[in-house]
């Protein structure tokens, strides 16, 4: 997220999902469990980060063919 605010940086890869990693866990009656993130985080420009995440400038994902061939298409694109 910090790198998005730097003019000469180009982000390459896939979108993140905007989770903060701050997980609250609650044990429920009967053995159930509830897990959720409850921390509000904003991007550097003040926009919402939660459930949005980092959106790359160049979107590229590994492919099955690339993985099978031992290639890293994300790294190659970068």
N, C-alpha and C. Protein backbone atom coordinates (compact mmCIF):
# COMPACT_ATOMS: atom_id res chain seq x y z
N UNK A 1 0.82 -1.18 0.00
CA UNK A 1 0.00 0.00 0.00
C UNK A 1 0.88 1.25 0.00
N UNK A 2 1.96 1.24 0.75
CA UNK A 2 2.83 2.42 0.81
C UNK A 2 3.46 2.70 -0.55
N UNK A 3 3.80 1.66 -1.29
CA UNK A 3 4.44 1.84 -2.60
C UNK A 3 3.52 2.52 -3.60
N UNK A 4 2.21 2.41 -3.43
CA UNK A 4 1.27 3.06 -4.34
C UNK A 4 1.43 4.57 -4.36
N UNK A 5 1.93 5.14 -3.28
CA UNK A 5 2.06 6.58 -3.19
C UNK A 5 3.34 7.14 -3.78
N UNK A 6 4.18 6.28 -4.38
CA UNK A 6 5.46 6.72 -4.93
C UNK A 6 5.34 6.82 -6.44
N UNK A 7 5.62 7.99 -7.00
CA UNK A 7 5.39 8.25 -8.42
C UNK A 7 6.15 7.31 -9.35
N UNK A 8 7.39 6.96 -9.04
CA UNK A 8 8.20 6.18 -9.98
C UNK A 8 8.11 4.67 -9.73
N UNK A 9 7.09 4.22 -9.01
CA UNK A 9 6.89 2.79 -8.74
C UNK A 9 5.72 2.29 -9.56
N UNK A 10 5.91 1.15 -10.23
CA UNK A 10 4.84 0.48 -10.96
C UNK A 10 4.59 -0.85 -10.28
N UNK A 11 3.37 -1.05 -9.81
CA UNK A 11 3.01 -2.30 -9.14
C UNK A 11 2.57 -3.32 -10.17
N UNK A 12 3.16 -4.50 -10.11
CA UNK A 12 2.88 -5.59 -11.05
C UNK A 12 2.42 -6.79 -10.24
N UNK A 13 1.34 -7.42 -10.67
CA UNK A 13 0.85 -8.62 -9.99
C UNK A 13 -0.65 -8.64 -9.95
N UNK A 14 -1.19 -9.28 -8.92
CA UNK A 14 -2.63 -9.41 -8.79
C UNK A 14 -3.17 -8.55 -7.67
N UNK A 15 -4.46 -8.29 -7.74
CA UNK A 15 -5.14 -7.52 -6.70
C UNK A 15 -5.05 -8.23 -5.37
N UNK A 16 -4.92 -7.46 -4.31
CA UNK A 16 -5.07 -8.03 -2.97
C UNK A 16 -6.53 -7.84 -2.59
N UNK A 17 -6.93 -8.40 -1.50
CA UNK A 17 -8.34 -8.32 -1.11
C UNK A 17 -8.62 -7.34 0.02
N UNK A 18 -7.59 -6.64 0.47
CA UNK A 18 -7.82 -5.57 1.42
C UNK A 18 -8.12 -6.02 2.84
N UNK A 19 -7.51 -7.10 3.25
CA UNK A 19 -7.67 -7.51 4.64
C UNK A 19 -6.54 -6.90 5.46
N UNK A 20 -6.83 -6.58 6.68
CA UNK A 20 -5.84 -5.90 7.52
C UNK A 20 -4.97 -6.87 8.29
N UNK A 21 -5.37 -8.12 8.37
CA UNK A 21 -4.62 -9.09 9.16
C UNK A 21 -4.95 -9.02 10.64
N UNK A 22 -5.79 -8.08 11.02
CA UNK A 22 -6.20 -7.92 12.41
C UNK A 22 -7.48 -8.73 12.63
N UNK A 23 -7.34 -10.01 12.94
CA UNK A 23 -8.48 -10.91 13.04
C UNK A 23 -8.94 -11.03 14.48
N UNK A 24 -10.24 -10.88 14.68
CA UNK A 24 -10.87 -11.11 15.98
C UNK A 24 -11.51 -12.48 15.93
N UNK A 25 -11.26 -13.29 16.95
CA UNK A 25 -11.80 -14.64 17.01
C UNK A 25 -12.70 -14.76 18.23
N UNK A 26 -13.90 -15.29 18.03
CA UNK A 26 -14.85 -15.48 19.12
C UNK A 26 -15.31 -16.93 19.11
N UNK A 27 -15.21 -17.57 20.26
CA UNK A 27 -15.74 -18.93 20.41
C UNK A 27 -17.23 -18.83 20.72
N UNK A 28 -18.02 -19.57 19.98
CA UNK A 28 -19.47 -19.53 20.13
C UNK A 28 -19.96 -20.74 20.92
N UNK A 29 -21.12 -20.64 21.53
CA UNK A 29 -21.68 -21.79 22.22
C UNK A 29 -21.85 -22.97 21.26
N UNK A 30 -21.63 -24.16 21.75
CA UNK A 30 -21.77 -25.35 20.91
C UNK A 30 -20.52 -25.66 20.11
N UNK A 31 -19.43 -24.94 20.36
CA UNK A 31 -18.17 -25.22 19.68
C UNK A 31 -17.94 -24.44 18.40
N UNK A 32 -18.85 -23.56 18.05
CA UNK A 32 -18.68 -22.77 16.83
C UNK A 32 -17.64 -21.68 17.02
N UNK A 33 -17.18 -21.14 15.94
CA UNK A 33 -16.20 -20.06 15.97
C UNK A 33 -16.59 -18.98 14.97
N UNK A 34 -16.31 -17.75 15.33
CA UNK A 34 -16.56 -16.61 14.46
C UNK A 34 -15.25 -15.85 14.32
N UNK A 35 -14.82 -15.62 13.09
CA UNK A 35 -13.60 -14.87 12.81
C UNK A 35 -13.96 -13.70 11.90
N UNK A 36 -13.48 -12.51 12.24
CA UNK A 36 -13.73 -11.35 11.38
C UNK A 36 -12.64 -10.32 11.59
N UNK A 37 -12.48 -9.45 10.60
CA UNK A 37 -11.56 -8.32 10.73
C UNK A 37 -12.42 -7.10 11.02
N UNK A 38 -12.02 -6.35 12.00
CA UNK A 38 -12.83 -5.21 12.40
C UNK A 38 -12.08 -3.91 12.44
N UNK A 39 -10.87 -3.90 11.96
CA UNK A 39 -10.06 -2.69 11.99
C UNK A 39 -10.28 -1.91 10.69
N UNK A 40 -10.59 -0.65 10.81
CA UNK A 40 -10.80 0.19 9.63
C UNK A 40 -9.45 0.75 9.18
N UNK A 41 -9.10 0.51 7.93
CA UNK A 41 -7.83 0.97 7.37
C UNK A 41 -8.13 1.77 6.10
N UNK A 42 -7.40 2.85 5.92
CA UNK A 42 -7.57 3.68 4.73
C UNK A 42 -6.29 3.69 3.91
N UNK A 43 -6.44 3.84 2.61
CA UNK A 43 -5.30 4.00 1.72
C UNK A 43 -4.68 5.38 1.96
N UNK A 44 -3.52 5.60 1.38
CA UNK A 44 -2.82 6.88 1.59
C UNK A 44 -3.64 8.08 1.14
N UNK A 45 -4.49 7.89 0.14
CA UNK A 45 -5.31 9.01 -0.35
C UNK A 45 -6.60 9.17 0.45
N UNK A 46 -6.78 8.37 1.51
CA UNK A 46 -7.97 8.47 2.35
C UNK A 46 -9.12 7.59 1.91
N UNK A 47 -8.96 6.89 0.79
CA UNK A 47 -10.03 6.01 0.32
C UNK A 47 -10.05 4.71 1.12
N UNK A 48 -11.13 4.00 1.00
CA UNK A 48 -11.32 2.74 1.72
C UNK A 48 -10.32 1.69 1.25
N UNK A 49 -9.72 0.96 2.19
CA UNK A 49 -8.80 -0.13 1.87
C UNK A 49 -9.45 -1.49 2.13
N UNK A 50 -10.23 -1.57 3.20
CA UNK A 50 -10.87 -2.83 3.58
C UNK A 50 -11.75 -3.35 2.45
N UNK A 51 -11.55 -4.59 2.05
CA UNK A 51 -12.28 -5.26 0.96
C UNK A 51 -12.00 -4.67 -0.42
N UNK A 52 -11.05 -3.76 -0.52
CA UNK A 52 -10.63 -3.22 -1.82
C UNK A 52 -9.20 -3.65 -2.09
N UNK A 53 -8.29 -3.31 -1.18
CA UNK A 53 -6.90 -3.75 -1.28
C UNK A 53 -6.06 -2.93 -2.23
N UNK A 54 -4.96 -3.53 -2.63
CA UNK A 54 -4.02 -2.90 -3.55
C UNK A 54 -4.36 -3.34 -4.96
N UNK A 55 -4.54 -2.39 -5.83
CA UNK A 55 -4.83 -2.68 -7.24
C UNK A 55 -3.58 -2.36 -8.03
N UNK A 56 -2.98 -3.37 -8.68
CA UNK A 56 -1.71 -3.13 -9.38
C UNK A 56 -1.89 -2.26 -10.62
N UNK A 57 -0.80 -1.64 -11.03
CA UNK A 57 -0.81 -0.87 -12.28
C UNK A 57 -0.84 -1.81 -13.48
N UNK A 58 -0.13 -2.92 -13.37
CA UNK A 58 -0.09 -3.95 -14.42
C UNK A 58 -0.58 -5.24 -13.78
N UNK A 59 -1.76 -5.69 -14.18
CA UNK A 59 -2.35 -6.88 -13.58
C UNK A 59 -1.90 -8.12 -14.35
N UNK A 60 -1.26 -9.04 -13.64
CA UNK A 60 -0.81 -10.29 -14.25
C UNK A 60 -0.83 -11.37 -13.18
N UNK A 61 -1.23 -12.57 -13.58
CA UNK A 61 -1.33 -13.70 -12.66
C UNK A 61 -0.55 -14.88 -13.21
N UNK A 62 -0.10 -15.77 -12.34
CA UNK A 62 0.52 -17.00 -12.82
C UNK A 62 -0.50 -17.82 -13.60
N UNK A 63 -0.05 -18.54 -14.60
CA UNK A 63 -0.92 -19.45 -15.34
C UNK A 63 -0.49 -20.88 -15.06
N UNK A 64 -1.39 -21.79 -15.30
CA UNK A 64 -1.09 -23.20 -15.12
C UNK A 64 0.07 -23.62 -16.02
N UNK A 65 0.05 -23.14 -17.26
CA UNK A 65 1.11 -23.49 -18.20
C UNK A 65 2.47 -22.96 -17.72
N UNK A 66 2.47 -21.74 -17.22
CA UNK A 66 3.71 -21.16 -16.72
C UNK A 66 4.25 -21.91 -15.51
N UNK A 67 3.38 -22.22 -14.58
CA UNK A 67 3.79 -22.98 -13.39
C UNK A 67 4.33 -24.35 -13.78
N UNK A 68 3.65 -25.00 -14.71
CA UNK A 68 4.08 -26.32 -15.18
C UNK A 68 5.46 -26.26 -15.83
N UNK A 69 5.76 -25.14 -16.50
CA UNK A 69 7.05 -24.96 -17.17
C UNK A 69 8.11 -24.39 -16.23
N UNK A 70 7.74 -24.13 -14.96
CA UNK A 70 8.70 -23.59 -14.01
C UNK A 70 8.95 -22.10 -14.18
N UNK A 71 8.02 -21.40 -14.79
CA UNK A 71 8.18 -19.98 -15.03
C UNK A 71 7.42 -19.16 -13.97
N UNK A 72 7.84 -17.94 -13.79
CA UNK A 72 7.14 -17.00 -12.91
C UNK A 72 6.75 -15.80 -13.76
N UNK A 73 5.56 -15.84 -14.30
CA UNK A 73 5.09 -14.81 -15.24
C UNK A 73 4.97 -13.43 -14.59
N UNK A 74 4.66 -13.41 -13.30
CA UNK A 74 4.57 -12.13 -12.59
C UNK A 74 5.94 -11.49 -12.52
N UNK A 75 6.94 -12.27 -12.13
CA UNK A 75 8.31 -11.76 -12.05
C UNK A 75 8.82 -11.37 -13.44
N UNK A 76 8.55 -12.18 -14.43
CA UNK A 76 8.97 -11.88 -15.81
C UNK A 76 8.37 -10.56 -16.29
N UNK A 77 7.11 -10.34 -15.99
CA UNK A 77 6.44 -9.09 -16.40
C UNK A 77 7.06 -7.89 -15.70
N UNK A 78 7.36 -8.08 -14.40
CA UNK A 78 7.99 -6.99 -13.64
C UNK A 78 9.33 -6.64 -14.19
